[in-house]
PDB file of N, CA and C in Angstrom:
ATOM      1  N   MET A   1      -1.354 136.761 -88.676  1.00  0.00           N
ATOM      2  CA  MET A   1      -0.313 136.927 -87.684  1.00  0.00           C
ATOM      3  C   MET A   1      -0.062 138.412 -87.489  1.00  0.00           C
ATOM      4  N   THR A   2       0.033 138.876 -86.263  1.00  0.00           N
ATOM      5  CA  THR A   2       0.240 140.289 -86.003  1.00  0.00           C
ATOM      6  C   THR A   2       1.714 140.624 -86.002  1.00  0.00           C
ATOM      7  N   ASP A   3       2.009 141.835 -86.389  1.00  0.00           N
ATOM      8  CA  ASP A   3       3.386 142.315 -86.391  1.00  0.00           C
ATOM      9  C   ASP A   3       3.780 142.677 -84.976  1.00  0.00           C
ATOM     10  N   ALA A   4       4.886 142.109 -84.492  1.00  0.00           N
ATOM     11  CA  ALA A   4       5.307 142.342 -83.112  1.00  0.00           C
ATOM     12  C   ALA A   4       5.747 143.781 -82.890  1.00  0.00           C
ATOM     13  N   LEU A   5       6.057 144.506 -83.953  1.00  0.00           N
ATOM     14  CA  LEU A   5       6.489 145.889 -83.799  1.00  0.00           C
ATOM     15  C   LEU A   5       5.362 146.875 -84.105  1.00  0.00           C
ATOM     16  N   SER A   6       4.124 146.411 -84.198  1.00  0.00           N
ATOM     17  CA  SER A   6       3.020 147.323 -84.456  1.00  0.00           C
ATOM     18  C   SER A   6       2.660 148.080 -83.189  1.00  0.00           C
ATOM     19  N   PRO A   7       2.070 149.279 -83.309  1.00  0.00           N
ATOM     20  CA  PRO A   7       1.747 150.075 -82.123  1.00  0.00           C
ATOM     21  C   PRO A   7       0.800 149.359 -81.175  1.00  0.00           C
ATOM     22  N   THR A   8      -0.160 148.608 -81.705  1.00  0.00           N
ATOM     23  CA  THR A   8      -1.099 147.929 -80.813  1.00  0.00           C
ATOM     24  C   THR A   8      -0.451 146.769 -80.101  1.00  0.00           C
ATOM     25  N   ALA A   9       0.487 146.096 -80.750  1.00  0.00           N
ATOM     26  CA  ALA A   9       1.184 145.004 -80.083  1.00  0.00           C
ATOM     27  C   ALA A   9       2.156 145.531 -79.046  1.00  0.00           C
ATOM     28  N   ALA A  10       2.749 146.688 -79.316  1.00  0.00           N
ATOM     29  CA  ALA A  10       3.747 147.234 -78.408  1.00  0.00           C
ATOM     30  C   ALA A  10       3.125 147.869 -77.181  1.00  0.00           C
ATOM     31  N   ALA A  11       1.969 148.479 -77.323  1.00  0.00           N
ATOM     32  CA  ALA A  11       1.428 149.248 -76.217  1.00  0.00           C
ATOM     33  C   ALA A  11       0.019 148.834 -75.826  1.00  0.00           C
ATOM     34  N   GLY A  12      -0.371 147.630 -76.154  1.00  0.00           N
ATOM     35  CA  GLY A  12      -1.709 147.186 -75.778  1.00  0.00           C
ATOM     36  C   GLY A  12      -2.741 147.866 -76.658  1.00  0.00           C
ATOM     37  N   THR A  13      -3.837 148.350 -76.053  1.00  0.00           N
ATOM     38  CA  THR A  13      -4.892 148.973 -76.826  1.00  0.00           C
ATOM     39  C   THR A  13      -4.672 150.460 -77.027  1.00  0.00           C
ATOM     40  N   THR A  14      -3.864 151.111 -76.182  1.00  0.00           N
ATOM     41  CA  THR A  14      -3.584 152.527 -76.366  1.00  0.00           C
ATOM     42  C   THR A  14      -2.317 152.680 -77.175  1.00  0.00           C
ATOM     43  N   ALA A  15      -2.384 153.479 -78.228  1.00  0.00           N
ATOM     44  CA  ALA A  15      -1.238 153.627 -79.115  1.00  0.00           C
ATOM     45  C   ALA A  15      -0.363 154.787 -78.670  1.00  0.00           C
ATOM     46  N   ALA A  16       0.930 154.601 -78.806  1.00  0.00           N
ATOM     47  CA  ALA A  16       1.889 155.657 -78.513  1.00  0.00           C
ATOM     48  C   ALA A  16       1.908 156.624 -79.693  1.00  0.00           C
ATOM     49  N   PRO A  17       2.397 157.841 -79.486  1.00  0.00           N
ATOM     50  CA  PRO A  17       2.538 158.755 -80.622  1.00  0.00           C
ATOM     51  C   PRO A  17       3.411 158.123 -81.692  1.00  0.00           C
ATOM     52  N   PRO A  18       3.006 158.237 -82.963  1.00  0.00           N
ATOM     53  CA  PRO A  18       3.746 157.562 -84.042  1.00  0.00           C
ATOM     54  C   PRO A  18       5.220 157.940 -84.116  1.00  0.00           C
ATOM     55  N   ALA A  19       5.552 159.201 -83.874  1.00  0.00           N
ATOM     56  CA  ALA A  19       6.960 159.616 -83.949  1.00  0.00           C
ATOM     57  C   ALA A  19       7.782 158.949 -82.858  1.00  0.00           C
ATOM     58  N   ASP A  20       7.227 158.890 -81.646  1.00  0.00           N
ATOM     59  CA  ASP A  20       7.947 158.259 -80.543  1.00  0.00           C
ATOM     60  C   ASP A  20       8.102 156.761 -80.771  1.00  0.00           C
ATOM     61  N   LEU A  21       7.064 156.136 -81.304  1.00  0.00           N
ATOM     62  CA  LEU A  21       7.125 154.700 -81.571  1.00  0.00           C
ATOM     63  C   LEU A  21       8.146 154.393 -82.666  1.00  0.00           C
ATOM     64  N   ALA A  22       8.220 155.246 -83.672  1.00  0.00           N
ATOM     65  CA  ALA A  22       9.197 155.047 -84.742  1.00  0.00           C
ATOM     66  C   ALA A  22      10.619 155.178 -84.203  1.00  0.00           C
ATOM     67  N   LYS A  23      10.838 156.159 -83.325  1.00  0.00           N
ATOM     68  CA  LYS A  23      12.158 156.325 -82.708  1.00  0.00           C
ATOM     69  C   LYS A  23      12.507 155.111 -81.855  1.00  0.00           C
ATOM     70  N   LEU A  24      11.525 154.597 -81.122  1.00  0.00           N
ATOM     71  CA  LEU A  24      11.745 153.422 -80.274  1.00  0.00           C
ATOM     72  C   LEU A  24      12.098 152.202 -81.116  1.00  0.00           C
ATOM     73  N   LYS A  25      11.399 151.998 -82.225  1.00  0.00           N
ATOM     74  CA  LYS A  25      11.700 150.868 -83.106  1.00  0.00           C
ATOM     75  C   LYS A  25      13.106 150.963 -83.673  1.00  0.00           C
ATOM     76  N   THR A  26      13.489 152.172 -84.082  1.00  0.00           N
ATOM     77  CA  THR A  26      14.831 152.378 -84.639  1.00  0.00           C
ATOM     78  C   THR A  26      15.898 152.096 -83.590  1.00  0.00           C
ATOM     79  N   ALA A  27      15.693 152.609 -82.391  1.00  0.00           N
ATOM     80  CA  ALA A  27      16.661 152.392 -81.313  1.00  0.00           C
ATOM     81  C   ALA A  27      16.734 150.921 -80.926  1.00  0.00           C
ATOM     82  N   ALA A  28      15.592 150.246 -80.894  1.00  0.00           N
ATOM     83  CA  ALA A  28      15.564 148.830 -80.520  1.00  0.00           C
ATOM     84  C   ALA A  28      16.306 147.981 -81.551  1.00  0.00           C
ATOM     85  N   LYS A  29      16.122 148.283 -82.832  1.00  0.00           N
ATOM     86  CA  LYS A  29      16.842 147.535 -83.877  1.00  0.00           C
ATOM     87  C   LYS A  29      18.338 147.817 -83.808  1.00  0.00           C
ATOM     88  N   ALA A  30      18.700 149.072 -83.522  1.00  0.00           N
ATOM     89  CA  ALA A  30      20.114 149.413 -83.395  1.00  0.00           C
ATOM     90  C   ALA A  30      20.738 148.683 -82.206  1.00  0.00           C
ATOM     91  N   PHE A  31      20.003 148.591 -81.097  1.00  0.00           N
ATOM     92  CA  PHE A  31      20.501 147.867 -79.929  1.00  0.00           C
ATOM     93  C   PHE A  31      20.700 146.397 -80.269  1.00  0.00           C
ATOM     94  N   GLU A  32      19.741 145.809 -80.970  1.00  0.00           N
ATOM     95  CA  GLU A  32      19.866 144.397 -81.343  1.00  0.00           C
ATOM     96  C   GLU A  32      21.078 144.180 -82.247  1.00  0.00           C
ATOM     97  N   ALA A  33      21.337 145.110 -83.168  1.00  0.00           N
ATOM     98  CA  ALA A  33      22.492 144.995 -84.051  1.00  0.00           C
ATOM     99  C   ALA A  33      23.795 145.067 -83.261  1.00  0.00           C
ATOM    100  N   ILE A  34      23.875 145.988 -82.307  1.00  0.00           N
ATOM    101  CA  ILE A  34      25.077 146.112 -81.476  1.00  0.00           C
ATOM    102  C   ILE A  34      25.273 144.855 -80.644  1.00  0.00           C
ATOM    103  N   PHE A  35      24.186 144.333 -80.087  1.00  0.00           N
ATOM    104  CA  PHE A  35      24.261 143.099 -79.301  1.00  0.00           C
ATOM    105  C   PHE A  35      24.784 141.950 -80.160  1.00  0.00           C
ATOM    106  N   LEU A  36      24.269 141.831 -81.373  1.00  0.00           N
ATOM    107  CA  LEU A  36      24.698 140.754 -82.268  1.00  0.00           C
ATOM    108  C   LEU A  36      26.161 140.918 -82.679  1.00  0.00           C
ATOM    109  N   ARG A  37      26.589 142.163 -82.915  1.00  0.00           N
ATOM    110  CA  ARG A  37      28.001 142.396 -83.246  1.00  0.00           C
ATOM    111  C   ARG A  37      28.911 141.925 -82.119  1.00  0.00           C
ATOM    112  N   GLN A  38      28.544 142.259 -80.893  1.00  0.00           N
ATOM    113  CA  GLN A  38      29.360 141.849 -79.751  1.00  0.00           C
ATOM    114  C   GLN A  38      29.366 140.332 -79.591  1.00  0.00           C
ATOM    115  N   MET A  39      28.215 139.710 -79.839  1.00  0.00           N
ATOM    116  CA  MET A  39      28.121 138.263 -79.728  1.00  0.00           C
ATOM    117  C   MET A  39      29.004 137.580 -80.779  1.00  0.00           C
ATOM    118  N   ILE A  40      28.949 138.068 -82.025  1.00  0.00           N
ATOM    119  CA  ILE A  40      29.770 137.494 -83.088  1.00  0.00           C
ATOM    120  C   ILE A  40      31.246 137.723 -82.807  1.00  0.00           C
ATOM    121  N   LYS A  41      31.587 138.918 -82.311  1.00  0.00           N
ATOM    122  CA  LYS A  41      32.979 139.223 -81.981  1.00  0.00           C
ATOM    123  C   LYS A  41      33.492 138.276 -80.895  1.00  0.00           C
ATOM    124  N   SER A  42      32.669 137.996 -79.895  1.00  0.00           N
ATOM    125  CA  SER A  42      33.063 137.058 -78.835  1.00  0.00           C
ATOM    126  C   SER A  42      33.235 135.654 -79.376  1.00  0.00           C
ATOM    127  N   MET A  43      32.376 135.265 -80.298  1.00  0.00           N
ATOM    128  CA  MET A  43      32.495 133.939 -80.894  1.00  0.00           C
ATOM    129  C   MET A  43      33.782 133.831 -81.710  1.00  0.00           C
ATOM    130  N   ARG A  44      34.124 134.884 -82.438  1.00  0.00           N
ATOM    131  CA  ARG A  44      35.357 134.883 -83.229  1.00  0.00           C
ATOM    132  C   ARG A  44      36.594 134.821 -82.329  1.00  0.00           C
ATOM    133  N   SER A  45      36.566 135.521 -81.213  1.00  0.00           N
ATOM    134  CA  SER A  45      37.744 135.540 -80.339  1.00  0.00           C
ATOM    135  C   SER A  45      37.936 134.215 -79.612  1.00  0.00           C
ATOM    136  N   ALA A  46      36.932 133.374 -79.622  1.00  0.00           N
ATOM    137  CA  ALA A  46      37.036 132.082 -78.956  1.00  0.00           C
ATOM    138  C   ALA A  46      37.685 131.017 -79.829  1.00  0.00           C
ATOM    139  N   SER A  47      38.182 131.400 -81.014  1.00  0.00           N
ATOM    140  CA  SER A  47      38.824 130.410 -81.876  1.00  0.00           C
ATOM    141  C   SER A  47      40.105 129.906 -81.217  1.00  0.00           C
ATOM    142  N   LEU A  48      40.493 128.713 -81.557  1.00  0.00           N
ATOM    143  CA  LEU A  48      41.610 128.063 -80.879  1.00  0.00           C
ATOM    144  C   LEU A  48      42.969 128.429 -81.454  1.00  0.00           C
ATOM    145  N   GLY A  49      43.012 129.025 -82.612  1.00  0.00           N
ATOM    146  CA  GLY A  49      44.313 129.362 -83.195  1.00  0.00           C
ATOM    147  C   GLY A  49      44.150 130.232 -84.412  1.00  0.00           C
ATOM    148  N   GLU A  50      45.268 130.627 -84.981  1.00  0.00           N
ATOM    149  CA  GLU A  50      45.248 131.444 -86.173  1.00  0.00           C
ATOM    150  C   GLU A  50      45.312 130.560 -87.407  1.00  0.00           C
ATOM    151  N   GLY A  51      44.662 131.037 -88.459  1.00  0.00           N
ATOM    152  CA  GLY A  51      44.706 130.324 -89.719  1.00  0.00           C
ATOM    153  C   GLY A  51      45.973 130.626 -90.477  1.00  0.00           C
ATOM    154  N   LEU A  52      46.217 129.879 -91.509  1.00  0.00           N
ATOM    155  CA  LEU A  52      47.426 130.025 -92.308  1.00  0.00           C
ATOM    156  C   LEU A  52      47.485 131.383 -93.005  1.00  0.00           C
ATOM    157  N   LEU A  53      46.334 131.878 -93.440  1.00  0.00           N
ATOM    158  CA  LEU A  53      46.301 133.128 -94.201  1.00  0.00           C
ATOM    159  C   LEU A  53      45.785 134.307 -93.384  1.00  0.00           C
ATOM    160  N   ASP A  54      45.740 134.216 -92.073  1.00  0.00           N
ATOM    161  CA  ASP A  54      45.248 135.307 -91.230  1.00  0.00           C
ATOM    162  C   ASP A  54      46.231 136.471 -91.234  1.00  0.00           C
ATOM    163  N   SER A  55      45.691 137.672 -91.346  1.00  0.00           N
ATOM    164  CA  SER A  55      46.490 138.890 -91.273  1.00  0.00           C
ATOM    165  C   SER A  55      45.592 140.003 -90.749  1.00  0.00           C
ATOM    166  N   SER A  56      46.174 141.149 -90.505  1.00  0.00           N
ATOM    167  CA  SER A  56      45.369 142.260 -89.992  1.00  0.00           C
ATOM    168  C   SER A  56      44.351 142.732 -91.025  1.00  0.00           C
ATOM    169  N   SER A  57      44.695 142.683 -92.300  1.00  0.00           N
ATOM    170  CA  SER A  57      43.743 143.109 -93.331  1.00  0.00           C
ATOM    171  C   SER A  57      42.603 142.107 -93.473  1.00  0.00           C
ATOM    172  N   SER A  58      42.887 140.825 -93.424  1.00  0.00           N
ATOM    173  CA  SER A  58      41.801 139.844 -93.504  1.00  0.00           C
ATOM    174  C   SER A  58      40.913 139.929 -92.266  1.00  0.00           C
ATOM    175  N   GLU A  59      41.504 140.242 -91.120  1.00  0.00           N
ATOM    176  CA  GLU A  59      40.717 140.423 -89.895  1.00  0.00           C
ATOM    177  C   GLU A  59      39.805 141.642 -90.015  1.00  0.00           C
ATOM    178  N   GLN A  60      40.301 142.713 -90.629  1.00  0.00           N
ATOM    179  CA  GLN A  60      39.503 143.915 -90.818  1.00  0.00           C
ATOM    180  C   GLN A  60      38.300 143.625 -91.719  1.00  0.00           C
ATOM    181  N   PHE A  61      38.514 142.923 -92.815  1.00  0.00           N
ATOM    182  CA  PHE A  61      37.413 142.589 -93.709  1.00  0.00           C
ATOM    183  C   PHE A  61      36.441 141.607 -93.057  1.00  0.00           C
ATOM    184  N   ARG A  62      36.941 140.698 -92.244  1.00  0.00           N
ATOM    185  CA  ARG A  62      36.067 139.775 -91.518  1.00  0.00           C
ATOM    186  C   ARG A  62      35.203 140.546 -90.524  1.00  0.00           C
ATOM    187  N   ASP A  63      35.788 141.540 -89.854  1.00  0.00           N
ATOM    188  CA  ASP A  63      35.020 142.363 -88.921  1.00  0.00           C
ATOM    189  C   ASP A  63      33.926 143.154 -89.636  1.00  0.00           C
ATOM    190  N   MET A  64      34.263 143.699 -90.814  1.00  0.00           N
ATOM    191  CA  MET A  64      33.244 144.428 -91.585  1.00  0.00           C
ATOM    192  C   MET A  64      32.136 143.487 -92.047  1.00  0.00           C
ATOM    193  N   SER A  65      32.505 142.290 -92.452  1.00  0.00           N
ATOM    194  CA  SER A  65      31.511 141.303 -92.865  1.00  0.00           C
ATOM    195  C   SER A  65      30.623 140.889 -91.693  1.00  0.00           C
ATOM    196  N   ASP A  66      31.231 140.706 -90.539  1.00  0.00           N
ATOM    197  CA  ASP A  66      30.462 140.351 -89.339  1.00  0.00           C
ATOM    198  C   ASP A  66      29.497 141.466 -88.952  1.00  0.00           C
ATOM    199  N   ALA A  67      29.937 142.726 -89.065  1.00  0.00           N
ATOM    200  CA  ALA A  67      29.069 143.860 -88.735  1.00  0.00           C
ATOM    201  C   ALA A  67      27.884 143.922 -89.694  1.00  0.00           C
ATOM    202  N   LYS A  68      28.127 143.709 -90.962  1.00  0.00           N
ATOM    203  CA  LYS A  68      27.046 143.706 -91.952  1.00  0.00           C
ATOM    204  C   LYS A  68      26.076 142.564 -91.689  1.00  0.00           C
ATOM    205  N   MET A  69      26.610 141.397 -91.356  1.00  0.00           N
ATOM    206  CA  MET A  69      25.755 140.251 -91.050  1.00  0.00           C
ATOM    207  C   MET A  69      24.911 140.535 -89.804  1.00  0.00           C
ATOM    208  N   ALA A  70      25.496 141.155 -88.788  1.00  0.00           N
ATOM    209  CA  ALA A  70      24.760 141.493 -87.570  1.00  0.00           C
ATOM    210  C   ALA A  70      23.644 142.492 -87.875  1.00  0.00           C
ATOM    211  N   ASP A  71      23.928 143.478 -88.732  1.00  0.00           N
ATOM    212  CA  ASP A  71      22.900 144.447 -89.118  1.00  0.00           C
ATOM    213  C   ASP A  71      21.741 143.770 -89.840  1.00  0.00           C
ATOM    214  N   GLN A  72      22.066 142.837 -90.740  1.00  0.00           N
ATOM    215  CA  GLN A  72      21.021 142.124 -91.471  1.00  0.00           C
ATOM    216  C   GLN A  72      20.209 141.222 -90.536  1.00  0.00           C
ATOM    217  N   MET A  73      20.884 140.579 -89.601  1.00  0.00           N
ATOM    218  CA  MET A  73      20.170 139.730 -88.639  1.00  0.00           C
ATOM    219  C   MET A  73      19.233 140.568 -87.776  1.00  0.00           C
ATOM    220  N   ALA A  74      19.686 141.742 -87.358  1.00  0.00           N
ATOM    221  CA  ALA A  74      18.850 142.623 -86.547  1.00  0.00           C
ATOM    222  C   ALA A  74      17.662 143.136 -87.349  1.00  0.00           C
ATOM    223  N   GLU A  75      17.880 143.429 -88.619  1.00  0.00           N
ATOM    224  CA  GLU A  75      16.798 143.921 -89.470  1.00  0.00           C
ATOM    225  C   GLU A  75      15.711 142.866 -89.645  1.00  0.00           C
ATOM    226  N   LYS A  76      16.129 141.598 -89.767  1.00  0.00           N
ATOM    227  CA  LYS A  76      15.158 140.515 -89.892  1.00  0.00           C
ATOM    228  C   LYS A  76      14.500 140.186 -88.561  1.00  0.00           C
ATOM    229  N   GLY A  77      15.165 140.522 -87.446  1.00  0.00           N
ATOM    230  CA  GLY A  77      14.580 140.311 -86.128  1.00  0.00           C
ATOM    231  C   GLY A  77      14.554 138.870 -85.683  1.00  0.00           C
ATOM    232  N   GLY A  78      15.538 138.090 -86.050  1.00  0.00           N
ATOM    233  CA  GLY A  78      15.566 136.673 -85.716  1.00  0.00           C
ATOM    234  C   GLY A  78      15.595 136.369 -84.227  1.00  0.00           C
ATOM    235  N   LEU A  79      16.254 137.206 -83.456  1.00  0.00           N
ATOM    236  CA  LEU A  79      16.322 136.974 -82.013  1.00  0.00           C
ATOM    237  C   LEU A  79      15.175 137.634 -81.254  1.00  0.00           C
ATOM    238  N   HIS A  80      14.450 138.530 -81.914  1.00  0.00           N
ATOM    239  CA  HIS A  80      13.296 139.239 -81.336  1.00  0.00           C
ATOM    240  C   HIS A  80      13.655 140.112 -80.137  1.00  0.00           C
ATOM    241  N   ILE A  81      14.899 140.526 -80.050  1.00  0.00           N
ATOM    242  CA  ILE A  81      15.293 141.430 -78.974  1.00  0.00           C
ATOM    243  C   ILE A  81      14.619 142.776 -79.168  1.00  0.00           C
ATOM    244  N   ALA A  82      14.612 143.279 -80.394  1.00  0.00           N
ATOM    245  CA  ALA A  82      13.964 144.565 -80.677  1.00  0.00           C
ATOM    246  C   ALA A  82      12.476 144.499 -80.370  1.00  0.00           C
ATOM    247  N   ASP A  83      11.835 143.373 -80.695  1.00  0.00           N
ATOM    248  CA  ASP A  83      10.411 143.207 -80.403  1.00  0.00           C
ATOM    249  C   ASP A  83      10.144 143.313 -78.913  1.00  0.00           C
ATOM    250  N   MET A  84      10.984 142.661 -78.123  1.00  0.00           N
ATOM    251  CA  MET A  84      10.791 142.691 -76.669  1.00  0.00           C
ATOM    252  C   MET A  84      11.016 144.093 -76.102  1.00  0.00           C
ATOM    253  N   LEU A  85      12.011 144.799 -76.641  1.00  0.00           N
ATOM    254  CA  LEU A  85      12.267 146.162 -76.173  1.00  0.00           C
ATOM    255  C   LEU A  85      11.110 147.093 -76.516  1.00  0.00           C
ATOM    256  N   VAL A  86      10.576 146.974 -77.728  1.00  0.00           N
ATOM    257  CA  VAL A  86       9.442 147.806 -78.127  1.00  0.00           C
ATOM    258  C   VAL A  86       8.226 147.485 -77.266  1.00  0.00           C
ATOM    259  N   LYS A  87       8.016 146.222 -76.990  1.00  0.00           N
ATOM    260  CA  LYS A  87       6.875 145.837 -76.152  1.00  0.00           C
ATOM    261  C   LYS A  87       7.025 146.401 -74.736  1.00  0.00           C
ATOM    262  N   GLN A  88       8.216 146.288 -74.180  1.00  0.00           N
ATOM    263  CA  GLN A  88       8.448 146.753 -72.815  1.00  0.00           C
ATOM    264  C   GLN A  88       8.386 148.278 -72.717  1.00  0.00           C
ATOM    265  N   TYR A  89       9.115 148.969 -73.586  1.00  0.00           N
ATOM    266  CA  TYR A  89       9.196 150.427 -73.487  1.00  0.00           C
ATOM    267  C   TYR A  89       8.055 151.129 -74.204  1.00  0.00           C
ATOM    268  N   GLY A  90       7.380 150.443 -75.121  1.00  0.00           N
ATOM    269  CA  GLY A  90       6.211 151.019 -75.779  1.00  0.00           C
ATOM    270  C   GLY A  90       5.084 151.251 -74.801  1.00  0.00           C
ATOM    271  N   ALA A  91       4.981 150.400 -73.786  1.00  0.00           N
ATOM    272  CA  ALA A  91       3.960 150.587 -72.755  1.00  0.00           C
ATOM    273  C   ALA A  91       4.219 151.863 -71.970  1.00  0.00           C
ATOM    274  N   ARG A  92       5.471 152.218 -71.801  1.00  0.00           N
ATOM    275  CA  ARG A  92       5.807 153.457 -71.081  1.00  0.00           C
ATOM    276  C   ARG A  92       5.471 154.685 -71.910  1.00  0.00           C
ATOM    277  N   LEU A  93       5.536 154.571 -73.237  1.00  0.00           N
ATOM    278  CA  LEU A  93       5.197 155.703 -74.100  1.00  0.00           C
ATOM    279  C   LEU A  93       3.725 156.060 -73.994  1.00  0.00           C
ATOM    280  N   SER A  94       2.873 155.066 -73.768  1.00  0.00           N
ATOM    281  CA  SER A  94       1.439 155.315 -73.740  1.00  0.00           C
ATOM    282  C   SER A  94       0.907 155.481 -72.318  1.00  0.00           C
ATOM    283  N   ALA A  95       1.798 155.491 -71.298  1.00  0.00           N
ATOM    284  CA  ALA A  95       1.362 155.672 -69.914  1.00  0.00           C
ATOM    285  C   ALA A  95       0.811 157.080 -69.731  1.00  0.00           C
ATOM    286  N   PRO A  96      -0.259 157.255 -68.923  1.00  0.00           N
ATOM    287  CA  PRO A  96      -0.876 158.566 -68.744  1.00  0.00           C
ATOM    288  C   PRO A  96       0.052 159.603 -68.103  1.00  0.00           C
ATOM    289  N   ILE A  97       0.895 159.187 -67.182  1.00  0.00           N
ATOM    290  CA  ILE A  97       1.813 160.099 -66.512  1.00  0.00           C
ATOM    291  C   ILE A  97       3.220 159.582 -66.759  1.00  0.00           C
ATOM    292  N   ALA A  98       4.115 160.478 -67.140  1.00  0.00           N
ATOM    293  CA  ALA A  98       5.484 160.063 -67.417  1.00  0.00           C
ATOM    294  C   ALA A  98       6.110 159.405 -66.218  1.00  0.00           C
ATOM    295  N   GLY A  99       6.794 158.298 -66.443  1.00  0.00           N
ATOM    296  CA  GLY A  99       7.485 157.616 -65.353  1.00  0.00           C
ATOM    297  C   GLY A  99       6.659 156.561 -64.658  1.00  0.00           C
ATOM    298  N   THR A 100       5.430 156.359 -65.087  1.00  0.00           N
ATOM    299  CA  THR A 100       4.606 155.310 -64.476  1.00  0.00           C
ATOM    300  C   THR A 100       4.240 154.290 -65.527  1.00  0.00           C
ATOM    301  N   LEU A 101       4.019 153.096 -65.094  1.00  0.00           N
ATOM    302  CA  LEU A 101       3.604 152.024 -65.974  1.00  0.00           C
ATOM    303  C   LEU A 101       2.106 151.811 -65.838  1.00  0.00           C
ATOM    304  N   PRO A 102       1.426 151.433 -66.904  1.00  0.00           N
ATOM    305  CA  PRO A 102       0.008 151.131 -66.797  1.00  0.00           C
ATOM    306  C   PRO A 102      -0.220 149.992 -65.810  1.00  0.00           C
ATOM    307  N   GLY A 103      -1.180 150.168 -64.920  1.00  0.00           N
ATOM    308  CA  GLY A 103      -1.534 149.115 -63.978  1.00  0.00           C
ATOM    309  C   GLY A 103      -0.693 149.064 -62.729  1.00  0.00           C
ATOM    310  N   ASP A 104       0.169 150.052 -62.496  1.00  0.00           N
ATOM    311  CA  ASP A 104       0.985 149.997 -61.276  1.00  0.00           C
ATOM    312  C   ASP A 104       0.350 150.756 -60.112  1.00  0.00           C
ATOM    313  N   GLY A 105      -0.831 151.357 -60.357  1.00  0.00           N
ATOM    314  CA  GLY A 105      -1.536 152.010 -59.274  1.00  0.00           C
ATOM    315  C   GLY A 105      -1.124 153.455 -59.061  1.00  0.00           C
ATOM    316  N   LYS A 106      -0.135 153.962 -59.800  1.00  0.00           N
ATOM    317  CA  LYS A 106       0.341 155.329 -59.624  1.00  0.00           C
ATOM    318  C   LYS A 106      -0.216 156.284 -60.668  1.00  0.00           C
ATOM    319  N   ALA A 107      -0.885 155.765 -61.686  1.00  0.00           N
ATOM    320  CA  ALA A 107      -1.306 156.596 -62.807  1.00  0.00           C
ATOM    321  C   ALA A 107      -2.317 157.655 -62.395  1.00  0.00           C
ATOM    322  N   GLY A 108      -3.183 157.391 -61.465  1.00  0.00           N
ATOM    323  CA  GLY A 108      -4.204 158.345 -61.069  1.00  0.00           C
ATOM    324  C   GLY A 108      -3.787 159.237 -59.933  1.00  0.00           C
ATOM    325  N   GLN A 109      -2.574 159.090 -59.425  1.00  0.00           N
ATOM    326  CA  GLN A 109      -2.152 159.865 -58.262  1.00  0.00           C
ATOM    327  C   GLN A 109      -1.389 161.086 -58.636  1.00  0.00           C
TER     328      GLN A 109
END
């Protein structure tokens, strides 16, 4: 099984510079973590009422726990959002001319 975040999977047969690809992977994982945090926060706010022991301090610790869980979920890549971002933007890293995509007909112009 191939790694979805590998340079060949992200950019086809032409590899992007390793430093740029590493930055892209880091940014993609960070984006996935932020997305998951917002999703969990929205799910928490949809609760129908307050619990018996709810307080501002318990809410703060729940938020920290949710953020840690979102970071771990992003690191494991369960939703594959980071994989899709690396695949999409990794192709732009290996394009011959900045601002063009491979196969769009503008690379040789």
